[in-house]
């Protein structure tokens, strides 16, 4: 049996997924409580029924995905003080790339959004930076070789 995937989330990310699951369960209940369209309209399949089934199928698929994720969540926690100089999940990292500074947070893949400065620990840059500390120079090849000089590592509360 394959190993189950871990999903790393901040407390806010976990809360967001729990709320989405609750909203979908409420929607499914509301949708199935009412009158279900008839399967046949004269001799043809009722398009209203097909639409109802499609909506229900989409909701059930997303709920199954969310349930799996929620069963396999690991909360991102701030490391002990003595380890806060090492890049890990939840770290805010200030780097210098070709003379320019950039700052981003290392998060799990479900919360990654590069436009908002949040990169995944599974991305090429995230993978290479995790485990390094201030002063290290890390070469990232994606697609060109780029040197990231780590200037600062901080951890904020999630």
Protein backbone atom coordinates (compact mmCIF):
# COMPACT_ATOMS: atom_id res chain seq x y z
CA UNK A 1 0.00 0.00 0.00
CA UNK A 2 1.45 3.40 -0.95
CA UNK A 3 2.49 5.77 1.78
CA UNK A 4 -0.11 8.45 2.49
CA UNK A 5 0.86 11.96 1.50
CA UNK A 6 1.24 14.55 4.26
CA UNK A 7 -0.34 17.95 3.69
CA UNK A 8 1.41 20.76 5.54
CA UNK A 9 -0.90 23.62 6.49
CA UNK A 10 -0.87 26.69 8.66
CA UNK A 11 -3.69 27.03 11.20
CA UNK A 12 -5.39 29.53 8.87
CA UNK A 13 -5.09 27.13 5.94
CA UNK A 14 -6.55 24.27 8.00
CA UNK A 15 -9.45 26.45 9.12
CA UNK A 16 -10.11 27.50 5.50
CA UNK A 17 -10.32 23.85 4.36
CA UNK A 18 -12.56 22.87 7.29
CA UNK A 19 -14.90 25.76 6.40
CA UNK A 20 -14.96 24.72 2.75
CA UNK A 21 -15.85 21.13 3.73
CA UNK A 22 -18.65 22.36 6.02
CA UNK A 23 -20.02 24.64 3.31
CA UNK A 24 -20.02 21.79 0.78
CA UNK A 25 -21.72 19.40 3.23
CA UNK A 26 -24.41 22.02 3.91
CA UNK A 27 -24.83 22.59 0.16
CA UNK A 28 -25.13 18.84 -0.50
CA UNK A 29 -27.71 18.49 2.26
CA UNK A 30 -29.72 21.41 0.90
CA UNK A 31 -29.48 20.05 -2.64
CA UNK A 32 -30.63 16.53 -1.71
CA UNK A 33 -33.32 17.59 0.79
CA UNK A 34 -35.42 19.28 -1.84
CA UNK A 35 -37.29 17.67 -4.66
CA UNK A 36 -35.01 15.68 -6.98
CA UNK A 37 -35.74 16.25 -10.67
CA UNK A 38 -37.36 13.32 -12.50
CA UNK A 39 -34.92 11.15 -14.44
CA UNK A 40 -37.06 11.06 -17.56
CA UNK A 41 -38.84 13.84 -19.35
CA UNK A 42 -41.11 12.06 -21.83
CA UNK A 43 -38.74 9.47 -23.36
CA UNK A 44 -35.54 11.54 -23.03
CA UNK A 45 -33.29 12.05 -20.05
CA UNK A 46 -34.28 15.18 -18.20
CA UNK A 47 -31.49 17.82 -18.58
CA UNK A 48 -32.42 19.18 -15.14
CA UNK A 49 -31.77 15.73 -13.65
CA UNK A 50 -28.42 15.45 -15.47
CA UNK A 51 -27.39 18.86 -14.15
CA UNK A 52 -28.44 17.85 -10.62
CA UNK A 53 -26.36 14.63 -10.84
CA UNK A 54 -23.34 16.51 -12.21
CA UNK A 55 -23.50 19.10 -9.40
CA UNK A 56 -23.78 16.35 -6.80
CA UNK A 57 -20.88 14.44 -8.33
CA UNK A 58 -18.62 17.52 -8.26
CA UNK A 59 -19.51 18.24 -4.62
CA UNK A 60 -18.91 14.63 -3.58
CA UNK A 61 -15.54 14.52 -5.39
CA UNK A 62 -14.34 17.70 -3.70
CA UNK A 63 -15.60 16.49 -0.31
CA UNK A 64 -13.69 13.22 -0.75
CA UNK A 65 -10.54 15.21 -1.60
CA UNK A 66 -11.01 17.46 1.44
CA UNK A 67 -11.66 14.51 3.75
CA UNK A 68 -8.45 12.83 2.56
CA UNK A 69 -6.45 16.04 3.03
CA UNK A 70 -7.92 16.68 6.50
CA UNK A 71 -7.06 13.12 7.59
CA UNK A 72 -3.45 13.63 6.46
CA UNK A 73 -2.76 17.16 7.70
CA UNK A 74 0.30 18.14 9.62
CA UNK A 75 0.20 21.63 11.10
CA UNK A 76 3.18 23.86 10.41
CA UNK A 77 4.72 24.69 13.76
CA UNK A 78 7.37 27.22 14.71
CA UNK A 79 10.58 25.34 15.54
CA UNK A 80 12.35 25.73 18.90
CA UNK A 81 14.38 28.95 19.27
CA UNK A 82 17.72 27.13 18.72
CA UNK A 83 16.50 25.89 15.28
CA UNK A 84 14.98 29.15 14.05
CA UNK A 85 18.09 30.02 12.04
CA UNK A 86 17.41 27.03 9.74
CA UNK A 87 14.91 27.28 6.88
CA UNK A 88 11.88 25.04 7.30
CA UNK A 89 8.13 25.16 6.78
CA UNK A 90 6.71 28.45 8.01
CA UNK A 91 9.99 30.37 7.58
CA UNK A 92 10.09 33.86 6.10
CA UNK A 93 13.26 33.93 4.03
CA UNK A 94 15.11 36.99 2.74
CA UNK A 95 17.46 36.10 -0.11
CA UNK A 96 19.68 37.97 -2.52
CA UNK A 97 19.49 36.90 -6.15
CA UNK A 98 21.85 38.60 -8.61
CA UNK A 99 22.10 41.70 -6.43
CA UNK A 100 18.36 42.00 -5.79
CA UNK A 101 16.55 41.03 -2.61
CA UNK A 102 13.44 38.89 -2.50
CA UNK A 103 11.43 37.66 0.47
CA UNK A 104 9.00 34.78 0.68
CA UNK A 105 7.46 32.30 3.07
CA UNK A 106 7.96 28.54 2.77
CA UNK A 107 4.57 26.79 3.03
CA UNK A 108 2.97 23.48 2.05
CA UNK A 109 1.84 22.99 -1.54
CA UNK A 110 -1.86 23.67 -0.78
CA UNK A 111 -1.13 27.20 0.45
CA UNK A 112 1.55 28.14 -2.08
CA UNK A 113 0.92 31.33 -4.04
CA UNK A 114 4.10 32.85 -5.52
CA UNK A 115 2.23 36.07 -6.39
CA UNK A 116 1.68 36.55 -2.64
CA UNK A 117 5.24 35.56 -1.71
CA UNK A 118 4.34 32.05 -0.53
CA UNK A 119 6.33 29.22 -2.13
CA UNK A 120 5.90 25.50 -1.63
CA UNK A 121 8.43 23.36 0.16
CA UNK A 122 8.00 21.03 -2.85
CA UNK A 123 8.92 23.68 -5.45
CA UNK A 124 12.46 23.65 -6.87
CA UNK A 125 13.44 26.76 -4.87
CA UNK A 126 11.66 25.61 -1.70
CA UNK A 127 13.26 22.15 -1.83
CA UNK A 128 16.74 23.60 -2.23
CA UNK A 129 16.38 26.18 0.57
CA UNK A 130 14.90 23.95 3.27
CA UNK A 131 17.58 22.97 5.75
CA UNK A 132 19.92 25.88 4.94
CA UNK A 133 20.66 28.93 7.10
CA UNK A 134 21.78 32.56 6.95
CA UNK A 135 25.02 32.98 5.02
CA UNK A 136 24.54 29.89 2.86
CA UNK A 137 24.59 30.24 -0.92
CA UNK A 138 22.23 27.78 -2.59
CA UNK A 139 22.30 26.99 -6.31
CA UNK A 140 18.83 26.42 -7.73
CA UNK A 141 18.47 25.01 -11.23
CA UNK A 142 14.99 25.86 -12.46
CA UNK A 143 15.42 26.22 -15.47
CA UNK A 144 18.62 28.30 -15.20
CA UNK A 145 21.23 28.03 -12.47
CA UNK A 146 20.57 30.81 -9.99
CA UNK A 147 22.43 31.49 -6.75
CA UNK A 148 20.28 32.36 -3.75
CA UNK A 149 22.25 33.93 -0.88
CA UNK A 150 20.31 33.59 2.34
CA UNK A 151 20.31 36.87 4.26
CA UNK A 152 17.64 36.37 6.92
CA UNK A 153 15.37 33.66 8.32
CA UNK A 154 12.44 34.47 10.60
CA UNK A 155 9.40 32.60 11.82
CA UNK A 156 6.04 34.28 12.33
CA UNK A 157 3.07 32.79 14.09
CA UNK A 158 0.70 31.06 11.69
